[in-house]
N, C-alpha and C. Protein backbone atom coordinates (compact mmCIF):
# COMPACT_ATOMS: atom_id res chain seq x y z
N MET A 1 0.80 -1.30 -0.03
CA MET A 1 -0.12 -0.19 0.01
C MET A 1 0.79 1.32 0.04
N LYS A 2 2.03 1.28 0.70
CA LYS A 2 2.90 2.41 0.86
C LYS A 2 3.50 2.68 -0.59
N THR A 3 3.73 1.61 -1.45
CA THR A 3 4.28 1.75 -2.90
C THR A 3 3.15 2.33 -3.69
N PHE A 4 1.94 2.20 -3.31
CA PHE A 4 0.76 2.72 -4.36
C PHE A 4 0.67 4.20 -4.03
N PHE A 5 0.61 4.41 -2.73
CA PHE A 5 0.69 5.86 -2.16
C PHE A 5 1.84 6.66 -2.75
N SER A 6 3.04 6.13 -2.80
CA SER A 6 4.11 6.95 -3.18
C SER A 6 3.92 7.16 -4.66
N LEU A 7 3.42 6.20 -5.49
CA LEU A 7 3.52 6.20 -6.84
C LEU A 7 2.25 7.47 -7.15
N VAL A 8 1.05 7.17 -6.54
CA VAL A 8 0.15 8.26 -6.75
C VAL A 8 0.73 9.58 -6.45
N ASN A 9 1.24 9.81 -5.29
CA ASN A 9 1.87 11.21 -5.02
C ASN A 9 2.96 11.53 -5.79
N PHE A 10 3.67 10.73 -6.45
CA PHE A 10 4.84 11.05 -7.33
C PHE A 10 4.14 11.60 -8.61
N VAL A 11 3.14 10.81 -9.23
CA VAL A 11 2.59 11.13 -10.47
C VAL A 11 1.62 12.49 -10.25
N VAL A 12 0.90 12.63 -9.19
CA VAL A 12 0.12 13.79 -9.12
C VAL A 12 1.21 15.05 -8.86
N GLY A 13 2.24 14.91 -8.10
CA GLY A 13 3.17 15.98 -7.82
C GLY A 13 3.94 16.38 -9.17
N LEU A 14 4.28 15.46 -9.99
CA LEU A 14 4.96 15.68 -11.36
C LEU A 14 4.08 16.39 -12.27
N LEU A 15 2.83 16.08 -12.26
CA LEU A 15 1.84 16.66 -13.13
C LEU A 15 1.54 18.09 -12.70
N SER A 16 1.45 18.21 -11.44
CA SER A 16 1.24 19.56 -10.72
C SER A 16 2.39 20.47 -11.09
N LEU A 17 3.63 19.99 -10.98
CA LEU A 17 4.89 20.88 -11.36
C LEU A 17 4.84 21.24 -12.78
N LEU A 18 4.54 20.32 -13.50
CA LEU A 18 4.78 20.51 -15.05
C LEU A 18 3.47 21.62 -15.31
N THR A 19 2.28 21.64 -14.61
CA THR A 19 1.31 22.67 -14.89
C THR A 19 1.70 23.81 -14.49
N GLY A 20 2.29 23.90 -13.11
CA GLY A 20 2.80 25.11 -12.55
C GLY A 20 3.94 25.92 -13.37
N VAL A 21 4.85 24.95 -13.85
CA VAL A 21 5.80 25.68 -14.72
C VAL A 21 5.45 26.17 -15.99
N GLY A 22 4.40 25.41 -16.57
CA GLY A 22 3.79 26.18 -17.81
C GLY A 22 3.03 27.17 -17.50
N ASN A 23 2.24 27.50 -16.23
CA ASN A 23 1.70 28.62 -16.03
C ASN A 23 2.45 29.88 -15.94
N VAL A 24 3.64 29.43 -15.35
CA VAL A 24 4.49 30.64 -14.90
C VAL A 24 5.24 31.16 -16.14
N LEU A 25 5.60 30.18 -17.02
CA LEU A 25 6.17 30.60 -18.15
C LEU A 25 5.43 31.11 -19.38
N PHE A 26 4.42 30.74 -19.43
CA PHE A 26 3.47 30.98 -20.52
C PHE A 26 2.25 32.03 -20.17
N HIS A 27 2.13 32.39 -19.06
CA HIS A 27 1.19 33.33 -18.46
C HIS A 27 1.82 34.49 -17.72
N SER A 28 3.21 34.62 -17.90
CA SER A 28 3.88 35.51 -17.06
C SER A 28 3.29 36.91 -17.26
N ASN A 29 2.66 37.32 -18.27
CA ASN A 29 2.48 38.77 -18.28
C ASN A 29 0.91 38.81 -17.66
N ASN A 30 0.21 37.90 -17.14
CA ASN A 30 -0.89 37.89 -16.34
C ASN A 30 -0.68 37.45 -14.92
N PRO A 31 -0.60 38.51 -13.83
CA PRO A 31 -0.32 38.01 -12.62
C PRO A 31 -1.19 36.98 -11.96
N THR A 32 -2.37 36.78 -12.21
CA THR A 32 -3.18 35.54 -11.59
C THR A 32 -2.61 34.33 -12.33
N GLY A 33 -2.20 34.32 -13.37
CA GLY A 33 -1.80 32.96 -14.00
C GLY A 33 -0.45 32.76 -13.45
N ALA A 34 0.19 33.68 -13.09
CA ALA A 34 1.60 33.43 -12.66
C ALA A 34 1.62 32.88 -11.18
N VAL A 35 0.57 33.43 -10.42
CA VAL A 35 0.30 33.15 -9.06
C VAL A 35 -0.21 31.71 -9.07
N ALA A 36 -1.09 31.43 -9.78
CA ALA A 36 -1.84 30.00 -9.80
C ALA A 36 -0.52 29.08 -10.27
N GLY A 37 0.21 29.41 -11.07
CA GLY A 37 1.65 28.67 -11.50
C GLY A 37 2.31 28.32 -10.12
N TRP A 38 2.62 29.32 -9.40
CA TRP A 38 3.54 29.19 -8.19
C TRP A 38 2.84 28.29 -7.13
N VAL A 39 1.53 28.43 -7.21
CA VAL A 39 0.58 27.64 -6.21
C VAL A 39 0.87 26.15 -6.65
N ALA A 40 0.66 26.07 -7.96
CA ALA A 40 0.57 24.58 -8.56
C ALA A 40 1.98 23.90 -8.20
N ILE A 41 3.19 24.92 -8.40
CA ILE A 41 4.60 24.27 -8.02
C ILE A 41 4.70 23.96 -6.60
N LEU A 42 4.14 24.80 -5.57
CA LEU A 42 4.31 24.42 -4.30
C LEU A 42 3.48 23.22 -3.92
N VAL A 43 2.22 23.06 -4.57
CA VAL A 43 1.28 21.82 -4.30
C VAL A 43 2.27 20.59 -4.93
N GLY A 44 2.91 20.65 -6.22
CA GLY A 44 3.59 19.70 -6.75
C GLY A 44 4.76 19.32 -5.71
N ALA A 45 5.44 20.32 -5.36
CA ALA A 45 6.60 20.10 -4.37
C ALA A 45 6.16 19.24 -3.16
N THR A 46 5.09 19.66 -2.63
CA THR A 46 4.51 18.96 -1.47
C THR A 46 4.29 17.41 -1.72
N PHE A 47 3.76 17.26 -2.74
CA PHE A 47 3.32 15.86 -3.18
C PHE A 47 4.40 15.13 -3.38
N LEU A 48 5.48 15.54 -4.12
CA LEU A 48 6.81 14.85 -4.24
C LEU A 48 7.48 14.73 -3.03
N TRP A 49 7.55 15.60 -1.99
CA TRP A 49 8.18 15.37 -0.69
C TRP A 49 7.39 14.25 -0.01
N LEU A 50 5.92 14.15 0.03
CA LEU A 50 5.28 13.20 0.60
C LEU A 50 5.78 11.81 -0.10
N ALA A 51 5.75 11.80 -1.25
CA ALA A 51 6.14 10.48 -2.15
C ALA A 51 7.57 9.98 -1.47
N THR A 52 8.49 11.04 -1.58
CA THR A 52 9.76 10.49 -1.05
C THR A 52 9.93 9.92 0.57
N GLN A 53 9.19 10.78 1.33
CA GLN A 53 9.18 10.41 2.77
C GLN A 53 8.50 8.98 2.97
N ALA A 54 7.48 8.75 2.17
CA ALA A 54 6.62 7.43 2.32
C ALA A 54 7.48 6.36 1.74
N MET A 55 8.24 6.57 0.61
CA MET A 55 9.32 5.59 0.23
C MET A 55 10.40 5.17 0.99
N PHE A 56 11.02 6.24 1.64
CA PHE A 56 12.27 6.10 2.24
C PHE A 56 12.22 6.22 3.79
N SER A 57 11.11 6.11 4.20
CA SER A 57 10.88 5.94 5.70
C SER A 57 11.28 4.66 6.17
N SER A 58 11.76 4.61 7.44
CA SER A 58 12.45 3.36 7.80
C SER A 58 11.25 2.38 8.14
N ALA A 59 11.58 1.10 8.21
CA ALA A 59 10.72 0.02 8.43
C ALA A 59 10.00 0.28 9.95
N LYS A 60 10.68 0.73 10.81
CA LYS A 60 10.20 0.79 12.29
C LYS A 60 9.08 1.64 12.25
N ASN A 61 9.01 2.81 11.44
CA ASN A 61 7.83 3.71 11.23
C ASN A 61 6.49 3.24 10.72
N ASN A 62 6.54 2.01 10.21
CA ASN A 62 5.21 1.31 9.66
C ASN A 62 4.21 1.06 10.64
């Protein structure tokens, strides 16, 4: 179950990072699009952090 949780978090985080970078790069002339991009990058980084913490946590934390 931990592997599935990490995989889902990794995929969602990666897609969120890609969406955020796209918003920041392509909507940089619109402040709302840039803010939405930075929020998506923050959410993506959080999901990736959760995925790495779940995969690399020690066995005694189960």
